[in-house]
Amino acid sequence: MPQLDTSTWLMMILSMVLTLFILFQLKVSKHCYPENPGPKSIKSSSGHTPWENKWTKIYSPLSLPPQ
């Protein structure tokens, strides 16, 4: 049974890593980043919900009277 030739594996792995690094660098360099990101203003919604102006009572199952 012939032996597996592993003499070229190191060169193949190094060339693949170098190729992936170059491709990643090209992809990142073409990405558009925002120049000067500023804080976003948070606006409160003007719509009113029924639970804003009154208390809502939440009943726990353990506090209910036995049935």
PDB file of N, CA and C in Angstrom:
ATOM      1  N   MET A   1       0.845  -1.175   0.000  1.00  0.00           N
ATOM      2  CA  MET A   1       0.000   0.000   0.000  1.00  0.00           C
ATOM      3  C   MET A   1       0.891   1.239   0.000  1.00  0.00           C
ATOM      4  N   PRO A   2       0.642   2.196  -0.917  1.00  0.00           N
ATOM      5  CA  PRO A   2       1.542   3.362  -1.005  1.00  0.00           C
ATOM      6  C   PRO A   2       1.318   4.323   0.161  1.00  0.00           C
ATOM      7  N   GLN A   3       2.375   5.000   0.521  1.00  0.00           N
ATOM      8  CA  GLN A   3       2.304   5.989   1.606  1.00  0.00           C
ATOM      9  C   GLN A   3       1.709   7.295   1.087  1.00  0.00           C
ATOM     10  N   LEU A   4       1.024   8.012   1.977  1.00  0.00           N
ATOM     11  CA  LEU A   4       0.426   9.283   1.609  1.00  0.00           C
ATOM     12  C   LEU A   4       1.512  10.354   1.608  1.00  0.00           C
ATOM     13  N   ASP A   5       1.594  11.067   0.502  1.00  0.00           N
ATOM     14  CA  ASP A   5       2.617  12.106   0.371  1.00  0.00           C
ATOM     15  C   ASP A   5       2.124  13.390   1.036  1.00  0.00           C
ATOM     16  N   THR A   6       2.753  13.764   2.136  1.00  0.00           N
ATOM     17  CA  THR A   6       2.336  14.957   2.882  1.00  0.00           C
ATOM     18  C   THR A   6       3.324  16.105   2.712  1.00  0.00           C
ATOM     19  N   SER A   7       4.202  16.013   1.761  1.00  0.00           N
ATOM     20  CA  SER A   7       5.234  17.037   1.617  1.00  0.00           C
ATOM     21  C   SER A   7       4.651  18.360   1.124  1.00  0.00           C
ATOM     22  N   THR A   8       3.542  18.342   0.430  1.00  0.00           N
ATOM     23  CA  THR A   8       2.985  19.583  -0.113  1.00  0.00           C
ATOM     24  C   THR A   8       1.897  20.182   0.776  1.00  0.00           C
ATOM     25  N   TRP A   9       1.560  19.517   1.864  1.00  0.00           N
ATOM     26  CA  TRP A   9       0.463  19.992   2.704  1.00  0.00           C
ATOM     27  C   TRP A   9       0.764  21.334   3.348  1.00  0.00           C
ATOM     28  N   LEU A  10       1.971  21.517   3.820  1.00  0.00           N
ATOM     29  CA  LEU A  10       2.328  22.774   4.470  1.00  0.00           C
ATOM     30  C   LEU A  10       2.188  23.943   3.499  1.00  0.00           C
ATOM     31  N   MET A  11       2.671  23.765   2.301  1.00  0.00           N
ATOM     32  CA  MET A  11       2.576  24.831   1.295  1.00  0.00           C
ATOM     33  C   MET A  11       1.119  25.108   0.938  1.00  0.00           C
ATOM     34  N   MET A  12       0.331  24.070   0.854  1.00  0.00           N
ATOM     35  CA  MET A  12      -1.085  24.236   0.516  1.00  0.00           C
ATOM     36  C   MET A  12      -1.819  24.980   1.640  1.00  0.00           C
ATOM     37  N   ILE A  13      -1.570  24.611   2.881  1.00  0.00           N
ATOM     38  CA  ILE A  13      -2.237  25.273   4.011  1.00  0.00           C
ATOM     39  C   ILE A  13      -1.809  26.729   4.105  1.00  0.00           C
ATOM     40  N   LEU A  14      -0.532  27.006   3.957  1.00  0.00           N
ATOM     41  CA  LEU A  14      -0.059  28.384   4.025  1.00  0.00           C
ATOM     42  C   LEU A  14      -0.624  29.241   2.900  1.00  0.00           C
ATOM     43  N   SER A  15      -0.711  28.681   1.713  1.00  0.00           N
ATOM     44  CA  SER A  15      -1.260  29.453   0.599  1.00  0.00           C
ATOM     45  C   SER A  15      -2.751  29.705   0.786  1.00  0.00           C
ATOM     46  N   MET A  16      -3.485  28.733   1.363  1.00  0.00           N
ATOM     47  CA  MET A  16      -4.914  28.942   1.621  1.00  0.00           C
ATOM     48  C   MET A  16      -5.125  30.018   2.673  1.00  0.00           C
ATOM     49  N   VAL A  17      -4.308  30.001   3.723  1.00  0.00           N
ATOM     50  CA  VAL A  17      -4.435  31.008   4.772  1.00  0.00           C
ATOM     51  C   VAL A  17      -4.105  32.388   4.207  1.00  0.00           C
ATOM     52  N   LEU A  18      -3.088  32.491   3.419  1.00  0.00           N
ATOM     53  CA  LEU A  18      -2.724  33.769   2.816  1.00  0.00           C
ATOM     54  C   LEU A  18      -3.830  34.266   1.882  1.00  0.00           C
ATOM     55  N   THR A  19      -4.405  33.377   1.089  1.00  0.00           N
ATOM     56  CA  THR A  19      -5.490  33.756   0.180  1.00  0.00           C
ATOM     57  C   THR A  19      -6.716  34.226   0.960  1.00  0.00           C
ATOM     58  N   LEU A  20      -7.074  33.511   2.029  1.00  0.00           N
ATOM     59  CA  LEU A  20      -8.216  33.927   2.837  1.00  0.00           C
ATOM     60  C   LEU A  20      -7.957  35.274   3.506  1.00  0.00           C
ATOM     61  N   PHE A  21      -6.748  35.498   3.961  1.00  0.00           N
ATOM     62  CA  PHE A  21      -6.414  36.776   4.580  1.00  0.00           C
ATOM     63  C   PHE A  21      -6.542  37.917   3.571  1.00  0.00           C
ATOM     64  N   ILE A  22      -6.038  37.705   2.369  1.00  0.00           N
ATOM     65  CA  ILE A  22      -6.113  38.745   1.330  1.00  0.00           C
ATOM     66  C   ILE A  22      -7.569  39.016   0.951  1.00  0.00           C
ATOM     67  N   LEU A  23      -8.356  37.954   0.783  1.00  0.00           N
ATOM     68  CA  LEU A  23      -9.764  38.147   0.434  1.00  0.00           C
ATOM     69  C   LEU A  23     -10.511  38.882   1.536  1.00  0.00           C
ATOM     70  N   PHE A  24     -10.235  38.545   2.787  1.00  0.00           N
ATOM     71  CA  PHE A  24     -10.889  39.219   3.895  1.00  0.00           C
ATOM     72  C   PHE A  24     -10.495  40.689   3.956  1.00  0.00           C
ATOM     73  N   GLN A  25      -9.233  40.986   3.730  1.00  0.00           N
ATOM     74  CA  GLN A  25      -8.778  42.371   3.741  1.00  0.00           C
ATOM     75  C   GLN A  25      -9.436  43.174   2.618  1.00  0.00           C
ATOM     76  N   LEU A  26      -9.578  42.572   1.449  1.00  0.00           N
ATOM     77  CA  LEU A  26     -10.243  43.264   0.347  1.00  0.00           C
ATOM     78  C   LEU A  26     -11.717  43.513   0.661  1.00  0.00           C
ATOM     79  N   LYS A  27     -12.358  42.537   1.277  1.00  0.00           N
ATOM     80  CA  LYS A  27     -13.772  42.699   1.616  1.00  0.00           C
ATOM     81  C   LYS A  27     -13.964  43.786   2.661  1.00  0.00           C
ATOM     82  N   VAL A  28     -13.105  43.828   3.677  1.00  0.00           N
ATOM     83  CA  VAL A  28     -13.222  44.831   4.734  1.00  0.00           C
ATOM     84  C   VAL A  28     -12.885  46.216   4.199  1.00  0.00           C
ATOM     85  N   SER A  29     -11.917  46.308   3.284  1.00  0.00           N
ATOM     86  CA  SER A  29     -11.518  47.624   2.786  1.00  0.00           C
ATOM     87  C   SER A  29     -12.590  48.247   1.902  1.00  0.00           C
ATOM     88  N   LYS A  30     -13.472  47.443   1.310  1.00  0.00           N
ATOM     89  CA  LYS A  30     -14.538  47.981   0.465  1.00  0.00           C
ATOM     90  C   LYS A  30     -15.789  48.323   1.254  1.00  0.00           C
ATOM     91  N   HIS A  31     -15.810  48.007   2.538  1.00  0.00           N
ATOM     92  CA  HIS A  31     -16.988  48.279   3.363  1.00  0.00           C
ATOM     93  C   HIS A  31     -17.055  49.762   3.697  1.00  0.00           C
ATOM     94  N   CYS A  32     -18.252  50.335   3.611  1.00  0.00           N
ATOM     95  CA  CYS A  32     -18.440  51.758   3.914  1.00  0.00           C
ATOM     96  C   CYS A  32     -18.829  51.923   5.381  1.00  0.00           C
ATOM     97  N   TYR A  33     -17.988  52.600   6.125  1.00  0.00           N
ATOM     98  CA  TYR A  33     -18.255  52.875   7.522  1.00  0.00           C
ATOM     99  C   TYR A  33     -18.794  54.300   7.650  1.00  0.00           C
ATOM    100  N   PRO A  34     -19.693  54.547   8.610  1.00  0.00           N
ATOM    101  CA  PRO A  34     -20.160  55.930   8.804  1.00  0.00           C
ATOM    102  C   PRO A  34     -19.020  56.808   9.306  1.00  0.00           C
ATOM    103  N   GLU A  35     -18.960  58.021   8.772  1.00  0.00           N
ATOM    104  CA  GLU A  35     -17.831  58.888   9.108  1.00  0.00           C
ATOM    105  C   GLU A  35     -17.897  59.399  10.542  1.00  0.00           C
ATOM    106  N   ASN A  36     -19.027  59.971  10.933  1.00  0.00           N
ATOM    107  CA  ASN A  36     -19.116  60.556  12.258  1.00  0.00           C
ATOM    108  C   ASN A  36     -20.466  60.181  12.870  1.00  0.00           C
ATOM    109  N   PRO A  37     -20.565  59.022  13.480  1.00  0.00           N
ATOM    110  CA  PRO A  37     -21.860  58.649  14.057  1.00  0.00           C
ATOM    111  C   PRO A  37     -22.177  59.513  15.279  1.00  0.00           C
ATOM    112  N   GLY A  38     -23.397  60.015  15.313  1.00  0.00           N
ATOM    113  CA  GLY A  38     -23.815  60.856  16.428  1.00  0.00           C
ATOM    114  C   GLY A  38     -24.866  60.148  17.254  1.00  0.00           C
ATOM    115  N   PRO A  39     -25.157  60.673  18.420  1.00  0.00           N
ATOM    116  CA  PRO A  39     -26.185  60.044  19.258  1.00  0.00           C
ATOM    117  C   PRO A  39     -27.566  60.240  18.642  1.00  0.00           C
ATOM    118  N   LYS A  40     -28.376  59.213  18.747  1.00  0.00           N
ATOM    119  CA  LYS A  40     -29.731  59.295  18.220  1.00  0.00           C
ATOM    120  C   LYS A  40     -30.637  59.911  19.281  1.00  0.00           C
ATOM    121  N   SER A  41     -31.551  60.759  18.822  1.00  0.00           N
ATOM    122  CA  SER A  41     -32.499  61.351  19.763  1.00  0.00           C
ATOM    123  C   SER A  41     -33.651  60.370  19.968  1.00  0.00           C
ATOM    124  N   ILE A  42     -34.020  60.195  21.217  1.00  0.00           N
ATOM    125  CA  ILE A  42     -35.101  59.281  21.556  1.00  0.00           C
ATOM    126  C   ILE A  42     -36.372  60.098  21.712  1.00  0.00           C
ATOM    127  N   LYS A  43     -37.343  59.843  20.858  1.00  0.00           N
ATOM    128  CA  LYS A  43     -38.602  60.578  20.915  1.00  0.00           C
ATOM    129  C   LYS A  43     -39.651  59.692  21.569  1.00  0.00           C
ATOM    130  N   SER A  44     -40.390  60.279  22.504  1.00  0.00           N
ATOM    131  CA  SER A  44     -41.442  59.503  23.151  1.00  0.00           C
ATOM    132  C   SER A  44     -42.653  59.459  22.232  1.00  0.00           C
ATOM    133  N   SER A  45     -43.315  58.326  22.228  1.00  0.00           N
ATOM    134  CA  SER A  45     -44.486  58.183  21.369  1.00  0.00           C
ATOM    135  C   SER A  45     -45.645  58.980  21.950  1.00  0.00           C
ATOM    136  N   SER A  46     -46.400  59.617  21.083  1.00  0.00           N
ATOM    137  CA  SER A  46     -47.503  60.446  21.545  1.00  0.00           C
ATOM    138  C   SER A  46     -48.783  59.642  21.738  1.00  0.00           C
ATOM    139  N   GLY A  47     -48.820  58.399  21.283  1.00  0.00           N
ATOM    140  CA  GLY A  47     -50.004  57.582  21.439  1.00  0.00           C
ATOM    141  C   GLY A  47     -50.186  57.143  22.879  1.00  0.00           C
ATOM    142  N   HIS A  48     -51.417  57.244  23.393  1.00  0.00           N
ATOM    143  CA  HIS A  48     -51.687  56.880  24.781  1.00  0.00           C
ATOM    144  C   HIS A  48     -52.260  55.470  24.837  1.00  0.00           C
ATOM    145  N   THR A  49     -51.829  54.758  25.812  1.00  0.00           N
ATOM    146  CA  THR A  49     -52.358  53.417  26.033  1.00  0.00           C
ATOM    147  C   THR A  49     -53.215  53.448  27.279  1.00  0.00           C
ATOM    148  N   PRO A  50     -54.179  52.553  27.401  1.00  0.00           N
ATOM    149  CA  PRO A  50     -55.096  52.622  28.528  1.00  0.00           C
ATOM    150  C   PRO A  50     -54.433  52.417  29.885  1.00  0.00           C
ATOM    151  N   TRP A  51     -53.262  51.812  29.944  1.00  0.00           N
ATOM    152  CA  TRP A  51     -52.661  51.541  31.247  1.00  0.00           C
ATOM    153  C   TRP A  51     -51.686  52.635  31.685  1.00  0.00           C
ATOM    154  N   GLU A  52     -51.562  53.703  30.915  1.00  0.00           N
ATOM    155  CA  GLU A  52     -50.641  54.770  31.311  1.00  0.00           C
ATOM    156  C   GLU A  52     -51.175  55.583  32.491  1.00  0.00           C
ATOM    157  N   ASN A  53     -52.476  55.875  32.531  1.00  0.00           N
ATOM    158  CA  ASN A  53     -53.026  56.791  33.525  1.00  0.00           C
ATOM    159  C   ASN A  53     -53.689  56.083  34.700  1.00  0.00           C
ATOM    160  N   LYS A  54     -53.737  54.784  34.727  1.00  0.00           N
ATOM    161  CA  LYS A  54     -54.373  54.099  35.846  1.00  0.00           C
ATOM    162  C   LYS A  54     -53.506  52.906  36.262  1.00  0.00           C
ATOM    163  N   TRP A  55     -53.690  52.482  37.500  1.00  0.00           N
ATOM    164  CA  TRP A  55     -52.950  51.336  37.995  1.00  0.00           C
ATOM    165  C   TRP A  55     -53.573  50.060  37.455  1.00  0.00           C
ATOM    166  N   THR A  56     -52.737  49.124  37.139  1.00  0.00           N
ATOM    167  CA  THR A  56     -53.215  47.829  36.700  1.00  0.00           C
ATOM    168  C   THR A  56     -52.865  46.821  37.777  1.00  0.00           C
ATOM    169  N   LYS A  57     -53.867  46.110  38.260  1.00  0.00           N
ATOM    170  CA  LYS A  57     -53.635  45.130  39.311  1.00  0.00           C
ATOM    171  C   LYS A  57     -53.376  43.778  38.662  1.00  0.00           C
ATOM    172  N   ILE A  58     -52.288  43.149  39.038  1.00  0.00           N
ATOM    173  CA  ILE A  58     -51.934  41.841  38.500  1.00  0.00           C
ATOM    174  C   ILE A  58     -52.108  40.830  39.623  1.00  0.00           C
ATOM    175  N   TYR A  59     -52.902  39.820  39.366  1.00  0.00           N
ATOM    176  CA  TYR A  59     -53.189  38.812  40.374  1.00  0.00           C
ATOM    177  C   TYR A  59     -52.249  37.621  40.206  1.00  0.00           C
ATOM    178  N   SER A  60     -51.649  37.235  41.285  1.00  0.00           N
ATOM    179  CA  SER A  60     -50.832  36.029  41.291  1.00  0.00           C
ATOM    180  C   SER A  60     -51.755  34.838  41.499  1.00  0.00           C
ATOM    181  N   PRO A  61     -51.495  33.680  40.867  1.00  0.00           N
ATOM    182  CA  PRO A  61     -52.363  32.532  41.052  1.00  0.00           C
ATOM    183  C   PRO A  61     -52.441  32.068  42.513  1.00  0.00           C
ATOM    184  N   LEU A  62     -51.391  32.327  43.301  1.00  0.00           N
ATOM    185  CA  LEU A  62     -51.397  31.901  44.683  1.00  0.00           C
ATOM    186  C   LEU A  62     -52.240  32.825  45.578  1.00  0.00           C
ATOM    187  N   SER A  63     -52.457  34.072  45.130  1.00  0.00           N
ATOM    188  CA  SER A  63     -53.209  35.005  45.958  1.00  0.00           C
ATOM    189  C   SER A  63     -54.707  34.962  45.678  1.00  0.00           C
ATOM    190  N   LEU A  64     -55.134  34.216  44.673  1.00  0.00           N
ATOM    191  CA  LEU A  64     -56.552  34.099  44.376  1.00  0.00           C
ATOM    192  C   LEU A  64     -57.234  33.222  45.413  1.00  0.00           C
ATOM    193  N   PRO A  65     -58.509  33.484  45.692  1.00  0.00           N
ATOM    194  CA  PRO A  65     -59.216  32.623  46.660  1.00  0.00           C
ATOM    195  C   PRO A  65     -59.402  31.215  46.096  1.00  0.00           C
ATOM    196  N   PRO A  66     -59.394  30.194  46.941  1.00  0.00           N
ATOM    197  CA  PRO A  66     -59.582  28.825  46.431  1.00  0.00           C
ATOM    198  C   PRO A  66     -60.987  28.663  45.847  1.00  0.00           C
ATOM    199  N   GLN A  67     -61.033  27.887  44.803  1.00  0.00           N
ATOM    200  CA  GLN A  67     -62.323  27.692  44.113  1.00  0.00           C
ATOM    201  C   GLN A  67     -62.926  26.355  44.457  1.00  0.00           C
TER     202      GLN A  67
END
